[in-house]
């Protein structure tokens, strides 16, 4: 979910991830969130961005069956969720 604190509302505004929020709450879980915020100092923002990008790489593994397996999975997902 993408959240933004709005002082005029004295609360969080949900910008994106509405369906994820509903699904997580229906399962009794707290949905993962990202907070949109303004960083007033350019130096702070750059330092923070540098620290985040110095973390370990995201690993991926090949899908057994290659492209045809991926296309079959994608077709099944589109059948289940035709609006996406």
N, C-alpha and C. Protein backbone atom coordinates (compact mmCIF):
# COMPACT_ATOMS: atom_id res chain seq x y z
N UNK A 1 0.83 -1.16 0.00
CA UNK A 1 0.00 0.00 0.00
C UNK A 1 0.89 1.23 0.00
N UNK A 2 0.41 2.25 -0.66
CA UNK A 2 1.12 3.53 -0.69
C UNK A 2 0.31 4.52 0.14
N UNK A 3 0.92 5.00 1.21
CA UNK A 3 0.24 5.90 2.14
C UNK A 3 0.87 7.28 2.13
N UNK A 4 0.06 8.27 2.47
CA UNK A 4 0.53 9.65 2.58
C UNK A 4 -0.18 10.28 3.76
N UNK A 5 0.57 10.84 4.69
CA UNK A 5 -0.01 11.51 5.86
C UNK A 5 -0.52 12.88 5.43
N UNK A 6 -1.78 13.15 5.68
CA UNK A 6 -2.39 14.43 5.32
C UNK A 6 -2.84 15.09 6.61
N UNK A 7 -2.18 16.18 6.96
CA UNK A 7 -2.48 16.84 8.24
C UNK A 7 -3.89 17.40 8.28
N UNK A 8 -4.41 17.87 7.14
CA UNK A 8 -5.77 18.41 7.13
C UNK A 8 -6.80 17.33 7.47
N UNK A 9 -6.49 16.08 7.16
CA UNK A 9 -7.37 14.97 7.50
C UNK A 9 -7.02 14.35 8.84
N UNK A 10 -5.85 14.74 9.37
CA UNK A 10 -5.33 14.15 10.59
C UNK A 10 -5.29 12.63 10.49
N UNK A 11 -4.81 12.17 9.33
CA UNK A 11 -4.75 10.73 9.12
C UNK A 11 -4.06 10.38 7.82
N UNK A 12 -4.01 9.07 7.57
CA UNK A 12 -3.34 8.55 6.39
C UNK A 12 -4.30 8.52 5.21
N UNK A 13 -3.81 8.85 4.05
CA UNK A 13 -4.56 8.76 2.81
C UNK A 13 -3.99 7.57 2.04
N UNK A 14 -4.83 6.64 1.68
CA UNK A 14 -4.41 5.46 0.93
C UNK A 14 -4.41 5.81 -0.55
N UNK A 15 -3.21 5.92 -1.13
CA UNK A 15 -3.08 6.33 -2.54
C UNK A 15 -3.16 5.15 -3.50
N UNK A 16 -2.65 3.99 -3.09
CA UNK A 16 -2.64 2.82 -3.96
C UNK A 16 -2.60 1.57 -3.09
N UNK A 17 -3.16 0.49 -3.60
CA UNK A 17 -3.13 -0.78 -2.88
C UNK A 17 -4.41 -1.09 -2.14
N UNK A 18 -5.51 -0.51 -2.58
CA UNK A 18 -6.79 -0.71 -1.89
C UNK A 18 -7.16 -2.19 -1.81
N UNK A 19 -7.03 -2.92 -2.93
CA UNK A 19 -7.38 -4.34 -2.94
C UNK A 19 -6.47 -5.15 -2.03
N UNK A 20 -5.19 -4.81 -2.01
CA UNK A 20 -4.25 -5.52 -1.13
C UNK A 20 -4.60 -5.28 0.34
N UNK A 21 -5.01 -4.06 0.64
CA UNK A 21 -5.38 -3.74 2.02
C UNK A 21 -6.59 -4.55 2.45
N UNK A 22 -7.61 -4.60 1.59
CA UNK A 22 -8.82 -5.36 1.92
C UNK A 22 -8.50 -6.83 2.11
N UNK A 23 -7.68 -7.39 1.20
CA UNK A 23 -7.33 -8.81 1.29
C UNK A 23 -6.55 -9.11 2.57
N UNK A 24 -5.57 -8.28 2.88
CA UNK A 24 -4.76 -8.52 4.09
C UNK A 24 -5.62 -8.40 5.34
N UNK A 25 -6.45 -7.40 5.41
CA UNK A 25 -7.29 -7.21 6.58
C UNK A 25 -8.31 -8.35 6.72
N UNK A 26 -8.81 -8.88 5.60
CA UNK A 26 -9.74 -10.01 5.64
C UNK A 26 -9.06 -11.26 6.19
N UNK A 27 -7.75 -11.36 5.99
CA UNK A 27 -6.98 -12.49 6.51
C UNK A 27 -6.45 -12.23 7.91
N UNK A 28 -6.79 -11.07 8.47
CA UNK A 28 -6.33 -10.75 9.82
C UNK A 28 -4.88 -10.33 9.88
N UNK A 29 -4.34 -9.87 8.77
CA UNK A 29 -2.94 -9.45 8.72
C UNK A 29 -2.84 -7.95 8.52
N UNK A 30 -1.69 -7.42 8.85
CA UNK A 30 -1.40 -6.02 8.58
C UNK A 30 -0.74 -5.93 7.21
N UNK A 31 -1.30 -5.16 6.29
CA UNK A 31 -0.70 -5.10 4.95
C UNK A 31 0.61 -4.34 4.97
N UNK A 32 1.58 -4.74 4.13
CA UNK A 32 2.84 -3.99 4.04
C UNK A 32 2.56 -2.62 3.44
N UNK A 33 3.26 -1.62 3.94
CA UNK A 33 3.01 -0.24 3.52
C UNK A 33 4.30 0.47 3.13
N UNK A 34 4.15 1.42 2.22
CA UNK A 34 5.20 2.35 1.85
C UNK A 34 4.63 3.73 2.08
N UNK A 35 5.39 4.59 2.75
CA UNK A 35 4.92 5.93 3.07
C UNK A 35 5.56 6.93 2.12
N UNK A 36 4.71 7.71 1.47
CA UNK A 36 5.18 8.80 0.62
C UNK A 36 5.43 10.00 1.52
N UNK A 37 6.63 10.52 1.46
CA UNK A 37 6.96 11.64 2.33
C UNK A 37 7.88 12.61 1.60
N UNK A 38 7.87 13.81 2.04
CA UNK A 38 8.75 14.82 1.46
C UNK A 38 9.99 14.93 2.32
N UNK A 39 11.14 14.95 1.67
CA UNK A 39 12.40 15.10 2.38
C UNK A 39 12.87 16.53 2.15
N UNK A 40 12.90 17.34 3.19
CA UNK A 40 13.21 18.76 2.99
C UNK A 40 14.65 19.03 2.61
N UNK A 41 15.55 18.14 2.95
CA UNK A 41 16.97 18.40 2.73
C UNK A 41 17.50 17.49 1.62
N UNK A 42 18.03 18.07 0.57
CA UNK A 42 18.56 17.31 -0.56
C UNK A 42 19.65 16.33 -0.12
N UNK A 43 20.51 16.76 0.76
CA UNK A 43 21.60 15.89 1.24
C UNK A 43 21.05 14.66 1.97
N UNK A 44 20.03 14.86 2.82
CA UNK A 44 19.42 13.73 3.53
C UNK A 44 18.81 12.73 2.55
N UNK A 45 18.10 13.25 1.53
CA UNK A 45 17.46 12.38 0.56
C UNK A 45 18.49 11.55 -0.19
N UNK A 46 19.55 12.20 -0.61
CA UNK A 46 20.59 11.47 -1.36
C UNK A 46 21.28 10.42 -0.50
N UNK A 47 21.55 10.76 0.77
CA UNK A 47 22.18 9.79 1.68
C UNK A 47 21.26 8.58 1.87
N UNK A 48 20.00 8.85 2.09
CA UNK A 48 19.03 7.76 2.29
C UNK A 48 18.94 6.88 1.05
N UNK A 49 18.88 7.48 -0.13
CA UNK A 49 18.81 6.72 -1.38
C UNK A 49 20.07 5.88 -1.57
N UNK A 50 21.21 6.43 -1.22
CA UNK A 50 22.48 5.70 -1.34
C UNK A 50 22.48 4.49 -0.41
N UNK A 51 22.01 4.66 0.81
CA UNK A 51 21.97 3.55 1.78
C UNK A 51 21.03 2.44 1.31
N UNK A 52 19.89 2.81 0.77
CA UNK A 52 18.93 1.81 0.32
C UNK A 52 19.48 1.02 -0.86
N UNK A 53 20.14 1.70 -1.79
CA UNK A 53 20.64 1.00 -2.97
C UNK A 53 21.90 0.20 -2.70
N UNK A 54 22.52 0.37 -1.55
CA UNK A 54 23.71 -0.42 -1.22
C UNK A 54 23.34 -1.74 -0.57
N UNK A 55 22.03 -2.03 -0.38
CA UNK A 55 21.60 -3.30 0.20
C UNK A 55 21.86 -4.44 -0.78
N UNK A 56 21.71 -5.67 -0.30
CA UNK A 56 21.95 -6.86 -1.11
C UNK A 56 21.03 -6.89 -2.33
N UNK A 57 21.51 -7.51 -3.38
CA UNK A 57 20.74 -7.61 -4.61
C UNK A 57 19.53 -8.52 -4.43
N UNK A 58 18.51 -8.26 -5.22
CA UNK A 58 17.36 -9.15 -5.28
C UNK A 58 17.72 -10.30 -6.21
N UNK A 59 17.58 -11.50 -5.72
CA UNK A 59 17.94 -12.68 -6.51
C UNK A 59 16.71 -13.19 -7.25
N UNK A 60 16.94 -13.80 -8.41
CA UNK A 60 15.86 -14.44 -9.16
C UNK A 60 16.38 -15.76 -9.70
N UNK A 61 15.47 -16.63 -10.03
CA UNK A 61 15.81 -17.93 -10.54
C UNK A 61 15.01 -18.20 -11.80
N UNK A 62 15.57 -18.94 -12.73
CA UNK A 62 14.83 -19.23 -13.96
C UNK A 62 13.61 -20.09 -13.68
N UNK A 63 12.55 -19.86 -14.44
CA UNK A 63 11.33 -20.65 -14.32
C UNK A 63 11.50 -21.93 -15.12
N UNK A 64 11.34 -23.10 -14.48
CA UNK A 64 11.43 -24.34 -15.24
C UNK A 64 10.39 -24.33 -16.37
N UNK A 65 10.83 -24.60 -17.59
CA UNK A 65 9.92 -24.57 -18.73
C UNK A 65 10.07 -23.32 -19.56
N UNK A 66 10.82 -22.34 -19.02
CA UNK A 66 11.14 -21.14 -19.79
C UNK A 66 9.94 -20.28 -20.17
N UNK A 67 10.03 -19.70 -21.36
CA UNK A 67 9.04 -18.73 -21.82
C UNK A 67 7.66 -19.36 -21.93
N UNK A 68 7.57 -20.57 -22.45
CA UNK A 68 6.25 -21.20 -22.61
C UNK A 68 5.58 -21.43 -21.26
N UNK A 69 6.35 -21.78 -20.24
CA UNK A 69 5.78 -21.96 -18.89
C UNK A 69 5.29 -20.62 -18.35
N UNK A 70 6.07 -19.56 -18.59
CA UNK A 70 5.65 -18.23 -18.14
C UNK A 70 4.36 -17.79 -18.83
N UNK A 71 4.28 -18.00 -20.14
CA UNK A 71 3.09 -17.60 -20.89
C UNK A 71 1.85 -18.37 -20.42
N UNK A 72 2.01 -19.65 -20.07
CA UNK A 72 0.89 -20.44 -19.56
C UNK A 72 0.43 -19.90 -18.21
N UNK A 73 1.37 -19.55 -17.33
CA UNK A 73 1.01 -18.98 -16.03
C UNK A 73 0.33 -17.62 -16.18
N UNK A 74 0.85 -16.81 -17.10
CA UNK A 74 0.27 -15.49 -17.33
C UNK A 74 -1.13 -15.61 -17.89
N UNK A 75 -1.35 -16.54 -18.81
CA UNK A 75 -2.68 -16.74 -19.39
C UNK A 75 -3.68 -17.18 -18.33
N UNK A 76 -3.25 -18.07 -17.43
CA UNK A 76 -4.14 -18.52 -16.35
C UNK A 76 -4.48 -17.38 -15.41
N UNK A 77 -3.51 -16.52 -15.12
CA UNK A 77 -3.76 -15.38 -14.23
C UNK A 77 -4.72 -14.39 -14.88
N UNK A 78 -4.58 -14.16 -16.17
CA UNK A 78 -5.46 -13.23 -16.87
C UNK A 78 -6.88 -13.78 -16.93
N UNK A 79 -7.03 -15.10 -17.01
CA UNK A 79 -8.36 -15.70 -17.00
C UNK A 79 -9.03 -15.49 -15.65
N UNK A 80 -8.24 -15.59 -14.57
CA UNK A 80 -8.78 -15.41 -13.23
C UNK A 80 -9.10 -13.95 -12.96
N UNK A 81 -8.32 -13.04 -13.50
CA UNK A 81 -8.47 -11.61 -13.22
C UNK A 81 -8.54 -10.84 -14.54
N UNK A 82 -9.65 -10.98 -15.31
CA UNK A 82 -9.70 -10.38 -16.63
C UNK A 82 -9.66 -8.86 -16.64
N UNK A 83 -9.94 -8.21 -15.52
CA UNK A 83 -9.92 -6.76 -15.49
C UNK A 83 -8.52 -6.17 -15.40
N UNK A 84 -7.53 -6.97 -15.10
CA UNK A 84 -6.16 -6.45 -14.92
C UNK A 84 -5.44 -6.32 -16.23
